[in-house]
Each structure stands twice: as C-alpha cells, then as structure tokens.
C-alpha cells in the first residue's frame, strides 16, 4: 500500500514544476520561485512517504518472522510433550540428570 504522502508529494512536485516553468516562460520571478518551493516541498513529502512505506514494510516482515518463530516453538513444545508422554521414565531420568548437573555447577561456585 502506497502512503498518501507519496501521492500528494508527487502531485505537489509536478504542480511546482509546472508553476515554475510557466513563471519562467512569462518572466514572473514570483511564480517561478513559488513553483520551485512547491516542487521542493513535494519532493520532501514524497520522500517522507517513501520512508513511512519502508518502515511499514520492515514492521510487517518482523511481525511475520515473529509469528513464524512462535509457530515453530509451539510445534517444538508439542513434540517434546508428545515424546515425554511416550517415554515418561526416560523424561524423568533426563530431568534428574540435568538437575544433578546444575547442582554440581552451583555447589562448585
């Protein structure tokens, strides 16, 4: 989705170019300067809209990545749960060994 700042910026830029060209053509310094100012404002507004689009796209990508990571972790937890219910004694043995190892580490500190 294109930001509205890009559209209005492009329109102001084009209108400013036209106004400056007409000012140059008829010799009106005032219209020429106003047109160039309007053109610069349009360019700035267009760049602002582009920056907003980039930020929006990056946020969408980060959100998608986080959602994928969450789904993956959910599947992993489900898989661990399934395996622990298939082999409850092995799960208890592994948990006990991990606890014993952590106890040894803490006791040496």
PDB file of N, CA and C in Angstrom:
ATOM      1  N   UNK A   1       0.842  -1.172   0.000  1.00  0.00           N
ATOM      2  CA  UNK A   1       0.000   0.000   0.000  1.00  0.00           C
ATOM      3  C   UNK A   1       0.890   1.239   0.000  1.00  0.00           C
ATOM      4  N   UNK A   2       0.615   2.130  -0.901  1.00  0.00           N
ATOM      5  CA  UNK A   2       1.401   3.349  -1.029  1.00  0.00           C
ATOM      6  C   UNK A   2       0.855   4.405  -0.077  1.00  0.00           C
ATOM      7  N   UNK A   3       1.771   5.071   0.622  1.00  0.00           N
ATOM      8  CA  UNK A   3       1.383   6.116   1.564  1.00  0.00           C
ATOM      9  C   UNK A   3       0.828   7.316   0.805  1.00  0.00           C
ATOM     10  N   UNK A   4      -0.176   7.972   1.362  1.00  0.00           N
ATOM     11  CA  UNK A   4      -0.796   9.131   0.704  1.00  0.00           C
ATOM     12  C   UNK A   4       0.177  10.297   0.578  1.00  0.00           C
ATOM     13  N   UNK A   5       1.176  10.363   1.452  1.00  0.00           N
ATOM     14  CA  UNK A   5       2.185  11.425   1.358  1.00  0.00           C
ATOM     15  C   UNK A   5       2.959  11.330   0.049  1.00  0.00           C
ATOM     16  N   UNK A   6       3.149  10.113  -0.428  1.00  0.00           N
ATOM     17  CA  UNK A   6       3.856   9.935  -1.695  1.00  0.00           C
ATOM     18  C   UNK A   6       3.027  10.486  -2.853  1.00  0.00           C
ATOM     19  N   UNK A   7       1.732  10.242  -2.798  1.00  0.00           N
ATOM     20  CA  UNK A   7       0.848  10.694  -3.879  1.00  0.00           C
ATOM     21  C   UNK A   7       0.738  12.216  -3.883  1.00  0.00           C
ATOM     22  N   UNK A   8       0.467  12.792  -2.719  1.00  0.00           N
ATOM     23  CA  UNK A   8       0.337  14.253  -2.661  1.00  0.00           C
ATOM     24  C   UNK A   8       1.689  14.920  -2.915  1.00  0.00           C
ATOM     25  N   UNK A   9       2.760  14.289  -2.478  1.00  0.00           N
ATOM     26  CA  UNK A   9       4.094  14.829  -2.732  1.00  0.00           C
ATOM     27  C   UNK A   9       4.410  14.858  -4.216  1.00  0.00           C
ATOM     28  N   UNK A  10       4.075  13.763  -4.895  1.00  0.00           N
ATOM     29  CA  UNK A  10       4.309  13.717  -6.343  1.00  0.00           C
ATOM     30  C   UNK A  10       3.454  14.757  -7.062  1.00  0.00           C
ATOM     31  N   UNK A  11       2.218  14.924  -6.600  1.00  0.00           N
ATOM     32  CA  UNK A  11       1.335  15.923  -7.219  1.00  0.00           C
ATOM     33  C   UNK A  11       1.874  17.333  -6.992  1.00  0.00           C
ATOM     34  N   UNK A  12       2.315  17.626  -5.760  1.00  0.00           N
ATOM     35  CA  UNK A  12       2.887  18.947  -5.473  1.00  0.00           C
ATOM     36  C   UNK A  12       4.171  19.183  -6.264  1.00  0.00           C
ATOM     37  N   UNK A  13       4.969  18.152  -6.399  1.00  0.00           N
ATOM     38  CA  UNK A  13       6.201  18.258  -7.168  1.00  0.00           C
ATOM     39  C   UNK A  13       5.900  18.609  -8.617  1.00  0.00           C
ATOM     40  N   UNK A  14       4.960  17.873  -9.201  1.00  0.00           N
ATOM     41  CA  UNK A  14       4.576  18.119 -10.595  1.00  0.00           C
ATOM     42  C   UNK A  14       3.953  19.497 -10.755  1.00  0.00           C
ATOM     43  N   UNK A  15       3.066  19.878  -9.840  1.00  0.00           N
ATOM     44  CA  UNK A  15       2.445  21.205  -9.892  1.00  0.00           C
ATOM     45  C   UNK A  15       3.480  22.310  -9.744  1.00  0.00           C
ATOM     46  N   UNK A  16       4.467  22.096  -8.881  1.00  0.00           N
ATOM     47  CA  UNK A  16       5.533  23.073  -8.690  1.00  0.00           C
ATOM     48  C   UNK A  16       6.392  23.233  -9.935  1.00  0.00           C
ATOM     49  N   UNK A  17       6.682  22.102 -10.583  1.00  0.00           N
ATOM     50  CA  UNK A  17       7.455  22.169 -11.828  1.00  0.00           C
ATOM     51  C   UNK A  17       6.700  22.963 -12.889  1.00  0.00           C
ATOM     52  N   UNK A  18       5.392  22.679 -12.978  1.00  0.00           N
ATOM     53  CA  UNK A  18       4.577  23.393 -13.967  1.00  0.00           C
ATOM     54  C   UNK A  18       4.519  24.886 -13.651  1.00  0.00           C
ATOM     55  N   UNK A  19       4.312  25.204 -12.380  1.00  0.00           N
ATOM     56  CA  UNK A  19       4.232  26.616 -11.989  1.00  0.00           C
ATOM     57  C   UNK A  19       5.564  27.329 -12.250  1.00  0.00           C
ATOM     58  N   UNK A  20       6.676  26.678 -11.942  1.00  0.00           N
ATOM     59  CA  UNK A  20       7.988  27.279 -12.179  1.00  0.00           C
ATOM     60  C   UNK A  20       8.233  27.468 -13.673  1.00  0.00           C
ATOM     61  N   UNK A  21       7.830  26.474 -14.472  1.00  0.00           N
ATOM     62  CA  UNK A  21       8.018  26.585 -15.924  1.00  0.00           C
ATOM     63  C   UNK A  21       7.188  27.724 -16.497  1.00  0.00           C
ATOM     64  N   UNK A  22       5.952  27.840 -16.035  1.00  0.00           N
ATOM     65  CA  UNK A  22       5.098  28.933 -16.506  1.00  0.00           C
ATOM     66  C   UNK A  22       5.661  30.274 -16.053  1.00  0.00           C
ATOM     67  N   UNK A  23       6.135  30.342 -14.816  1.00  0.00           N
ATOM     68  CA  UNK A  23       6.755  31.570 -14.312  1.00  0.00           C
ATOM     69  C   UNK A  23       7.974  31.958 -15.134  1.00  0.00           C
ATOM     70  N   UNK A  24       8.804  30.950 -15.479  1.00  0.00           N
ATOM     71  CA  UNK A  24       9.968  31.223 -16.320  1.00  0.00           C
ATOM     72  C   UNK A  24       9.542  31.687 -17.711  1.00  0.00           C
ATOM     73  N   UNK A  25       8.492  31.068 -18.237  1.00  0.00           N
ATOM     74  CA  UNK A  25       8.022  31.371 -19.585  1.00  0.00           C
ATOM     75  C   UNK A  25       7.489  32.800 -19.694  1.00  0.00           C
ATOM     76  N   UNK A  26       6.719  33.219 -18.714  1.00  0.00           N
ATOM     77  CA  UNK A  26       6.126  34.563 -18.785  1.00  0.00           C
ATOM     78  C   UNK A  26       7.011  35.611 -18.111  1.00  0.00           C
ATOM     79  N   UNK A  27       8.120  35.169 -17.518  1.00  0.00           N
ATOM     80  CA  UNK A  27       9.029  36.109 -16.893  1.00  0.00           C
ATOM     81  C   UNK A  27       8.625  36.557 -15.508  1.00  0.00           C
ATOM     82  N   UNK A  28       7.777  35.787 -14.846  1.00  0.00           N
ATOM     83  CA  UNK A  28       7.331  36.130 -13.492  1.00  0.00           C
ATOM     84  C   UNK A  28       8.250  35.443 -12.484  1.00  0.00           C
ATOM     85  N   UNK A  29       9.125  36.222 -11.907  1.00  0.00           N
ATOM     86  CA  UNK A  29      10.064  35.681 -10.924  1.00  0.00           C
ATOM     87  C   UNK A  29       9.316  35.123  -9.711  1.00  0.00           C
ATOM     88  N   UNK A  30       8.250  35.787  -9.310  1.00  0.00           N
ATOM     89  CA  UNK A  30       7.458  35.349  -8.149  1.00  0.00           C
ATOM     90  C   UNK A  30       6.894  33.950  -8.365  1.00  0.00           C
ATOM     91  N   UNK A  31       6.256  33.709  -9.528  1.00  0.00           N
ATOM     92  CA  UNK A  31       5.685  32.394  -9.807  1.00  0.00           C
ATOM     93  C   UNK A  31       6.775  31.334  -9.985  1.00  0.00           C
ATOM     94  N   UNK A  32       7.885  31.739 -10.541  1.00  0.00           N
ATOM     95  CA  UNK A  32       8.993  30.809 -10.721  1.00  0.00           C
ATOM     96  C   UNK A  32       9.518  30.328  -9.369  1.00  0.00           C
ATOM     97  N   UNK A  33       9.713  31.272  -8.440  1.00  0.00           N
ATOM     98  CA  UNK A  33      10.223  30.922  -7.107  1.00  0.00           C
ATOM     99  C   UNK A  33       9.186  30.102  -6.338  1.00  0.00           C
ATOM    100  N   UNK A  34       7.923  30.519  -6.393  1.00  0.00           N
ATOM    101  CA  UNK A  34       6.862  29.767  -5.703  1.00  0.00           C
ATOM    102  C   UNK A  34       6.783  28.336  -6.247  1.00  0.00           C
ATOM    103  N   UNK A  35       6.921  28.203  -7.542  1.00  0.00           N
ATOM    104  CA  UNK A  35       6.871  26.867  -8.152  1.00  0.00           C
ATOM    105  C   UNK A  35       8.013  25.983  -7.687  1.00  0.00           C
ATOM    106  N   UNK A  36       9.206  26.558  -7.608  1.00  0.00           N
ATOM    107  CA  UNK A  36      10.362  25.774  -7.168  1.00  0.00           C
ATOM    108  C   UNK A  36      10.235  25.395  -5.680  1.00  0.00           C
ATOM    109  N   UNK A  37       9.685  26.291  -4.884  1.00  0.00           N
ATOM    110  CA  UNK A  37       9.449  25.986  -3.466  1.00  0.00           C
ATOM    111  C   UNK A  37       8.424  24.860  -3.343  1.00  0.00           C
ATOM    112  N   UNK A  38       7.352  24.963  -4.119  1.00  0.00           N
ATOM    113  CA  UNK A  38       6.314  23.925  -4.097  1.00  0.00           C
ATOM    114  C   UNK A  38       6.885  22.588  -4.579  1.00  0.00           C
ATOM    115  N   UNK A  39       7.754  22.643  -5.589  1.00  0.00           N
ATOM    116  CA  UNK A  39       8.400  21.435  -6.104  1.00  0.00           C
ATOM    117  C   UNK A  39       9.261  20.784  -5.016  1.00  0.00           C
ATOM    118  N   UNK A  40      10.030  21.602  -4.285  1.00  0.00           N
ATOM    119  CA  UNK A  40      10.876  21.082  -3.207  1.00  0.00           C
ATOM    120  C   UNK A  40      10.032  20.488  -2.086  1.00  0.00           C
ATOM    121  N   UNK A  41       8.916  21.153  -1.752  1.00  0.00           N
ATOM    122  CA  UNK A  41       8.023  20.620  -0.721  1.00  0.00           C
ATOM    123  C   UNK A  41       7.437  19.283  -1.156  1.00  0.00           C
ATOM    124  N   UNK A  42       7.080  19.197  -2.431  1.00  0.00           N
ATOM    125  CA  UNK A  42       6.536  17.938  -2.948  1.00  0.00           C
ATOM    126  C   UNK A  42       7.556  16.822  -2.889  1.00  0.00           C
ATOM    127  N   UNK A  43       8.809  17.144  -3.227  1.00  0.00           N
ATOM    128  CA  UNK A  43       9.869  16.141  -3.151  1.00  0.00           C
ATOM    129  C   UNK A  43      10.069  15.667  -1.718  1.00  0.00           C
ATOM    130  N   UNK A  44      10.091  16.611  -0.774  1.00  0.00           N
ATOM    131  CA  UNK A  44      10.262  16.254   0.642  1.00  0.00           C
ATOM    132  C   UNK A  44       9.097  15.394   1.128  1.00  0.00           C
ATOM    133  N   UNK A  45       7.891  15.762   0.741  1.00  0.00           N
ATOM    134  CA  UNK A  45       6.715  14.988   1.163  1.00  0.00           C
ATOM    135  C   UNK A  45       6.747  13.586   0.554  1.00  0.00           C
ATOM    136  N   UNK A  46       7.173  13.489  -0.686  1.00  0.00           N
ATOM    137  CA  UNK A  46       7.291  12.189  -1.348  1.00  0.00           C
ATOM    138  C   UNK A  46       8.324  11.325  -0.626  1.00  0.00           C
ATOM    139  N   UNK A  47       9.468  11.894  -0.270  1.00  0.00           N
ATOM    140  CA  UNK A  47      10.500  11.143   0.448  1.00  0.00           C
ATOM    141  C   UNK A  47      10.005  10.699   1.827  1.00  0.00           C
ATOM    142  N   UNK A  48       9.243  11.559   2.491  1.00  0.00           N
ATOM    143  CA  UNK A  48       8.648  11.201   3.782  1.00  0.00           C
ATOM    144  C   UNK A  48       7.717   9.996   3.621  1.00  0.00           C
ATOM    145  N   UNK A  49       6.907  10.019   2.573  1.00  0.00           N
ATOM    146  CA  UNK A  49       6.001   8.892   2.307  1.00  0.00           C
ATOM    147  C   UNK A  49       6.760   7.611   2.005  1.00  0.00           C
ATOM    148  N   UNK A  50       7.870   7.734   1.271  1.00  0.00           N
ATOM    149  CA  UNK A  50       8.682   6.554   0.982  1.00  0.00           C
ATOM    150  C   UNK A  50       9.275   5.975   2.260  1.00  0.00           C
ATOM    151  N   UNK A  51       9.737   6.847   3.148  1.00  0.00           N
ATOM    152  CA  UNK A  51      10.292   6.387   4.419  1.00  0.00           C
ATOM    153  C   UNK A  51       9.231   5.668   5.253  1.00  0.00           C
ATOM    154  N   UNK A  52       8.012   6.225   5.264  1.00  0.00           N
ATOM    155  CA  UNK A  52       6.932   5.570   6.010  1.00  0.00           C
ATOM    156  C   UNK A  52       6.628   4.202   5.422  1.00  0.00           C
ATOM    157  N   UNK A  53       6.663   4.084   4.083  1.00  0.00           N
ATOM    158  CA  UNK A  53       6.427   2.793   3.442  1.00  0.00           C
ATOM    159  C   UNK A  53       7.501   1.778   3.827  1.00  0.00           C
ATOM    160  N   UNK A  54       8.749   2.217   3.856  1.00  0.00           N
ATOM    161  CA  UNK A  54       9.846   1.310   4.220  1.00  0.00           C
ATOM    162  C   UNK A  54       9.665   0.829   5.655  1.00  0.00           C
ATOM    163  N   UNK A  55       9.357   1.732   6.560  1.00  0.00           N
ATOM    164  CA  UNK A  55       9.165   1.350   7.970  1.00  0.00           C
ATOM    165  C   UNK A  55       7.991   0.381   8.095  1.00  0.00           C
ATOM    166  N   UNK A  56       6.918   0.655   7.381  1.00  0.00           N
ATOM    167  CA  UNK A  56       5.746  -0.227   7.428  1.00  0.00           C
ATOM    168  C   UNK A  56       6.109  -1.622   6.904  1.00  0.00           C
ATOM    169  N   UNK A  57       6.868  -1.690   5.811  1.00  0.00           N
ATOM    170  CA  UNK A  57       7.251  -2.988   5.248  1.00  0.00           C
ATOM    171  C   UNK A  57       8.163  -3.753   6.196  1.00  0.00           C
ATOM    172  N   UNK A  58       9.108  -3.065   6.815  1.00  0.00           N
ATOM    173  CA  UNK A  58      10.009  -3.726   7.767  1.00  0.00           C
ATOM    174  C   UNK A  58       9.211  -4.243   8.967  1.00  0.00           C
ATOM    175  N   UNK A  59       8.285  -3.445   9.454  1.00  0.00           N
ATOM    176  CA  UNK A  59       7.456  -3.881  10.590  1.00  0.00           C
ATOM    177  C   UNK A  59       6.637  -5.110  10.224  1.00  0.00           C
ATOM    178  N   UNK A  60       6.108  -5.142   9.005  1.00  0.00           N
ATOM    179  CA  UNK A  60       5.342  -6.310   8.554  1.00  0.00           C
ATOM    180  C   UNK A  60       6.230  -7.552   8.484  1.00  0.00           C
ATOM    181  N   UNK A  61       7.454  -7.387   7.967  1.00  0.00           N
ATOM    182  CA  UNK A  61       8.368  -8.521   7.871  1.00  0.00           C
ATOM    183  C   UNK A  61       8.764  -9.031   9.252  1.00  0.00           C
ATOM    184  N   UNK A  62       9.028  -8.123  10.172  1.00  0.00           N
ATOM    185  CA  UNK A  62       9.390  -8.523  11.537  1.00  0.00           C
ATOM    186  C   UNK A  62       8.222  -9.249  12.199  1.00  0.00           C
ATOM    187  N   UNK A  63       7.023  -8.746  11.972  1.00  0.00           N
ATOM    188  CA  UNK A  63       5.836  -9.382  12.538  1.00  0.00           C
ATOM    189  C   UNK A  63       5.662 -10.792  11.973  1.00  0.00           C
ATOM    190  N   UNK A  64       5.851 -10.941  10.665  1.00  0.00           N
ATOM    191  CA  UNK A  64       5.744 -12.266  10.051  1.00  0.00           C
ATOM    192  C   UNK A  64       6.801 -13.217  10.598  1.00  0.00           C
ATOM    193  N   UNK A  65       8.028 -12.702  10.761  1.00  0.00           N
ATOM    194  CA  UNK A  65       9.105 -13.531  11.296  1.00  0.00           C
ATOM    195  C   UNK A  65       8.797 -13.966  12.724  1.00  0.00           C
ATOM    196  N   UNK A  66       8.299 -13.045  13.538  1.00  0.00           N
ATOM    197  CA  UNK A  66       7.961 -13.376  14.924  1.00  0.00           C
ATOM    198  C   UNK A  66       6.833 -14.407  14.980  1.00  0.00           C
ATOM    199  N   UNK A  67       5.863 -14.259  14.098  1.00  0.00           N
ATOM    200  CA  UNK A  67       4.752 -15.208  14.065  1.00  0.00           C
ATOM    201  C   UNK A  67       5.251 -16.599  13.661  1.00  0.00           C
ATOM    202  N   UNK A  68       6.159 -16.657  12.671  1.00  0.00           N
ATOM    203  CA  UNK A  68       6.726 -17.944  12.266  1.00  0.00           C
ATOM    204  C   UNK A  68       7.527 -18.578  13.400  1.00  0.00           C
ATOM    205  N   UNK A  69       8.310 -17.759  14.111  1.00  0.00           N
ATOM    206  CA  UNK A  69       9.103 -18.275  15.231  1.00  0.00           C
ATOM    207  C   UNK A  69       8.189 -18.806  16.333  1.00  0.00           C
ATOM    208  N   UNK A  70       7.105 -18.083  16.595  1.00  0.00           N
ATOM    209  CA  UNK A  70       6.150 -18.527  17.615  1.00  0.00           C
ATOM    210  C   UNK A  70       5.515 -19.858  17.213  1.00  0.00           C
ATOM    211  N   UNK A  71       5.103 -19.972  15.963  1.00  0.00           N
ATOM    212  CA  UNK A  71       4.502 -21.231  15.492  1.00  0.00           C
ATOM    213  C   UNK A  71       5.499 -22.379  15.571  1.00  0.00           C
ATOM    214  N   UNK A  72       6.747 -22.107  15.201  1.00  0.00           N
ATOM    215  CA  UNK A  72       7.774 -23.140  15.259  1.00  0.00           C
ATOM    216  C   UNK A  72       8.006 -23.600  16.701  1.00  0.00           C
ATOM    217  N   UNK A  73       8.099 -22.647  17.622  1.00  0.00           N
ATOM    218  CA  UNK A  73       8.326 -23.021  19.022  1.00  0.00           C
ATOM    219  C   UNK A  73       7.133 -23.786  19.580  1.00  0.00           C
ATOM    220  N   UNK A  74       5.933 -23.410  19.142  1.00  0.00           N
ATOM    221  CA  UNK A  74       4.734 -24.120  19.590  1.00  0.00           C
ATOM    222  C   UNK A  74       4.776 -25.584  19.117  1.00  0.00           C
ATOM    223  N   UNK A  75       5.208 -25.793  17.871  1.00  0.00           N
ATOM    224  CA  UNK A  75       5.320 -27.161  17.349  1.00  0.00           C
ATOM    225  C   UNK A  75       6.385 -27.945  18.110  1.00  0.00           C
ATOM    226  N   UNK A  76       7.504 -27.280  18.434  1.00  0.00           N
ATOM    227  CA  UNK A  76       8.580 -27.953  19.159  1.00  0.00           C
ATOM    228  C   UNK A  76       8.117 -28.356  20.562  1.00  0.00           C
ATOM    229  N   UNK A  77       7.409 -27.471  21.228  1.00  0.00           N
ATOM    230  CA  UNK A  77       6.904 -27.781  22.569  1.00  0.00           C
ATOM    231  C   UNK A  77       5.921 -28.939  22.506  1.00  0.00           C
ATOM    232  N   UNK A  78       5.074 -28.937  21.491  1.00  0.00           N
ATOM    233  CA  UNK A  78       4.114 -30.034  21.331  1.00  0.00           C
ATOM    234  C   UNK A  78       4.861 -31.345  21.093  1.00  0.00           C
ATOM    235  N   UNK A  79       5.921 -31.303  20.289  1.00  0.00           N
ATOM    236  CA  UNK A  79       6.691 -32.507  20.007  1.00  0.00           C
ATOM    237  C   UNK A  79       7.386 -33.022  21.274  1.00  0.00           C
ATOM    238  N   UNK A  80       7.949 -32.124  22.065  1.00  0.00           N
ATOM    239  CA  UNK A  80       8.594 -32.531  23.326  1.00  0.00           C
ATOM    240  C   UNK A  80       7.556 -33.134  24.266  1.00  0.00           C
ATOM    241  N   UNK A  81       6.382 -32.520  24.312  1.00  0.00           N
ATOM    242  CA  UNK A  81       5.316 -33.048  25.165  1.00  0.00           C
ATOM    243  C   UNK A  81       4.921 -34.452  24.710  1.00  0.00           C
ATOM    244  N   UNK A  82       4.776 -34.648  23.421  1.00  0.00           N
ATOM    245  CA  UNK A  82       4.404 -35.975  22.905  1.00  0.00           C
ATOM    246  C   UNK A  82       5.457 -37.013  23.261  1.00  0.00           C
ATOM    247  N   UNK A  83       6.711 -36.660  23.089  1.00  0.00           N
ATOM    248  CA  UNK A  83       7.777 -37.620  23.389  1.00  0.00           C
ATOM    249  C   UNK A  83       7.859 -37.914  24.882  1.00  0.00           C
ATOM    250  N   UNK A  84       7.608 -36.892  25.692  1.00  0.00           N
ATOM    251  CA  UNK A  84       7.690 -37.127  27.138  1.00  0.00           C
ATOM    252  C   UNK A  84       6.544 -38.011  27.619  1.00  0.00           C
ATOM    253  N   UNK A  85       5.407 -37.967  26.941  1.00  0.00           N
ATOM    254  CA  UNK A  85       4.308 -38.849  27.346  1.00  0.00           C
ATOM    255  C   UNK A  85       4.523 -40.264  26.831  1.00  0.00           C
ATOM    256  N   UNK A  86       5.299 -40.416  25.732  1.00  0.00           N
ATOM    257  CA  UNK A  86       5.615 -41.760  25.228  1.00  0.00           C
ATOM    258  C   UNK A  86       6.626 -42.456  26.125  1.00  0.00           C
ATOM    259  N   UNK A  87       7.589 -41.704  26.628  1.00  0.00           N
ATOM    260  CA  UNK A  87       8.666 -42.249  27.440  1.00  0.00           C
ATOM    261  C   UNK A  87       8.767 -41.471  28.757  1.00  0.00           C
ATOM    262  N   UNK A  88       7.811 -41.627  29.659  1.00  0.00           N
ATOM    263  CA  UNK A  88       7.844 -40.820  30.884  1.00  0.00           C
ATOM    264  C   UNK A  88       9.051 -41.120  31.781  1.00  0.00           C
ATOM    265  N   UNK A  89       9.486 -42.379  31.826  1.00  0.00           N
ATOM    266  CA  UNK A  89      10.623 -42.717  32.680  1.00  0.00           C
ATOM    267  C   UNK A  89      11.901 -42.092  32.145  1.00  0.00           C
ATOM    268  N   UNK A  90      12.066 -42.107  30.835  1.00  0.00           N
ATOM    269  CA  UNK A  90      13.253 -41.501  30.233  1.00  0.00           C
ATOM    270  C   UNK A  90      13.235 -39.991  30.471  1.00  0.00           C
ATOM    271  N   UNK A  91      12.063 -39.384  30.396  1.00  0.00           N
ATOM    272  CA  UNK A  91      11.956 -37.941  30.642  1.00  0.00           C
ATOM    273  C   UNK A  91      12.350 -37.604  32.068  1.00  0.00           C
ATOM    274  N   UNK A  92      11.886 -38.402  33.017  1.00  0.00           N
ATOM    275  CA  UNK A  92      12.256 -38.177  34.413  1.00  0.00           C
ATOM    276  C   UNK A  92      13.750 -38.363  34.632  1.00  0.00           C
ATOM    277  N   UNK A  93      14.338 -39.364  33.977  1.00  0.00           N
ATOM    278  CA  UNK A  93      15.769 -39.614  34.108  1.00  0.00           C
ATOM    279  C   UNK A  93      16.571 -38.424  33.555  1.00  0.00           C
ATOM    280  N   UNK A  94      16.183 -37.919  32.397  1.00  0.00           N
ATOM    281  CA  UNK A  94      16.885 -36.771  31.803  1.00  0.00           C
ATOM    282  C   UNK A  94      16.737 -35.546  32.698  1.00  0.00           C
ATOM    283  N   UNK A  95      15.527 -35.301  33.189  1.00  0.00           N
ATOM    284  CA  UNK A  95      15.314 -34.149  34.074  1.00  0.00           C
ATOM    285  C   UNK A  95      16.155 -34.284  35.342  1.00  0.00           C
ATOM    286  N   UNK A  96      16.239 -35.495  35.884  1.00  0.00           N
ATOM    287  CA  UNK A  96      17.053 -35.725  37.078  1.00  0.00           C
ATOM    288  C   UNK A  96      18.535 -35.486  36.815  1.00  0.00           C
ATOM    289  N   UNK A  97      19.020 -35.953  35.661  1.00  0.00           N
ATOM    290  CA  UNK A  97      20.422 -35.745  35.319  1.00  0.00           C
ATOM    291  C   UNK A  97      20.736 -34.268  35.118  1.00  0.00           C
ATOM    292  N   UNK A  98      19.830 -33.554  34.489  1.00  0.00           N
ATOM    293  CA  UNK A  98      20.029 -32.112  34.306  1.00  0.00           C
ATOM    294  C   UNK A  98      20.052 -31.424  35.665  1.00  0.00           C
ATOM    295  N   UNK A  99      19.145 -31.772  36.535  1.00  0.00           N
ATOM    296  CA  UNK A  99      19.116 -31.194  37.869  1.00  0.00           C
ATOM    297  C   UNK A  99      20.379 -31.514  38.657  1.00  0.00           C
ATOM    298  N   UNK A 100      20.853 -32.746  38.554  1.00  0.00           N
ATOM    299  CA  UNK A 100      22.086 -33.147  39.240  1.00  0.00           C
ATOM    300  C   UNK A 100      23.272 -32.345  38.712  1.00  0.00           C
ATOM    301  N   UNK A 101      23.351 -32.195  37.391  1.00  0.00           N
ATOM    302  CA  UNK A 101      24.432 -31.417  36.776  1.00  0.00           C
ATOM    303  C   UNK A 101      24.401 -29.961  37.213  1.00  0.00           C
ATOM    304  N   UNK A 102      23.222 -29.373  37.245  1.00  0.00           N
ATOM    305  CA  UNK A 102      23.102 -27.985  37.713  1.00  0.00           C
ATOM    306  C   UNK A 102      23.488 -27.872  39.183  1.00  0.00           C
ATOM    307  N   UNK A 103      23.132 -28.882  39.975  1.00  0.00           N
ATOM    308  CA  UNK A 103      23.501 -28.885  41.387  1.00  0.00           C
ATOM    309  C   UNK A 103      25.017 -28.928  41.567  1.00  0.00           C
ATOM    310  N   UNK A 104      25.694 -29.714  40.746  1.00  0.00           N
ATOM    311  CA  UNK A 104      27.164 -29.779  40.811  1.00  0.00           C
ATOM    312  C   UNK A 104      27.775 -28.446  40.443  1.00  0.00           C
ATOM    313  N   UNK A 105      27.238 -27.794  39.409  1.00  0.00           N
ATOM    314  CA  UNK A 105      27.753 -26.494  38.984  1.00  0.00           C
ATOM    315  C   UNK A 105      27.582 -25.441  40.083  1.00  0.00           C
ATOM    316  N   UNK A 106      26.409 -25.435  40.711  1.00  0.00           N
ATOM    317  CA  UNK A 106      26.135 -24.450  41.746  1.00  0.00           C
ATOM    318  C   UNK A 106      27.000 -24.713  42.976  1.00  0.00           C
ATOM    319  N   UNK A 107      27.217 -25.968  43.310  1.00  0.00           N
ATOM    320  CA  UNK A 107      27.993 -26.307  44.500  1.00  0.00           C
ATOM    321  C   UNK A 107      29.454 -25.899  44.332  1.00  0.00           C
ATOM    322  N   UNK A 108      29.977 -25.913  43.112  1.00  0.00           N
ATOM    323  CA  UNK A 108      31.385 -25.559  42.884  1.00  0.00           C
ATOM    324  C   UNK A 108      31.588 -24.056  42.870  1.00  0.00           C
ATOM    325  N   UNK A 109      30.536 -23.289  42.689  1.00  0.00           N
ATOM    326  CA  UNK A 109      30.665 -21.844  42.679  1.00  0.00           C
ATOM    327  C   UNK A 109      30.763 -21.344  44.084  1.00  0.00           C
TER     328      UNK A 109
END
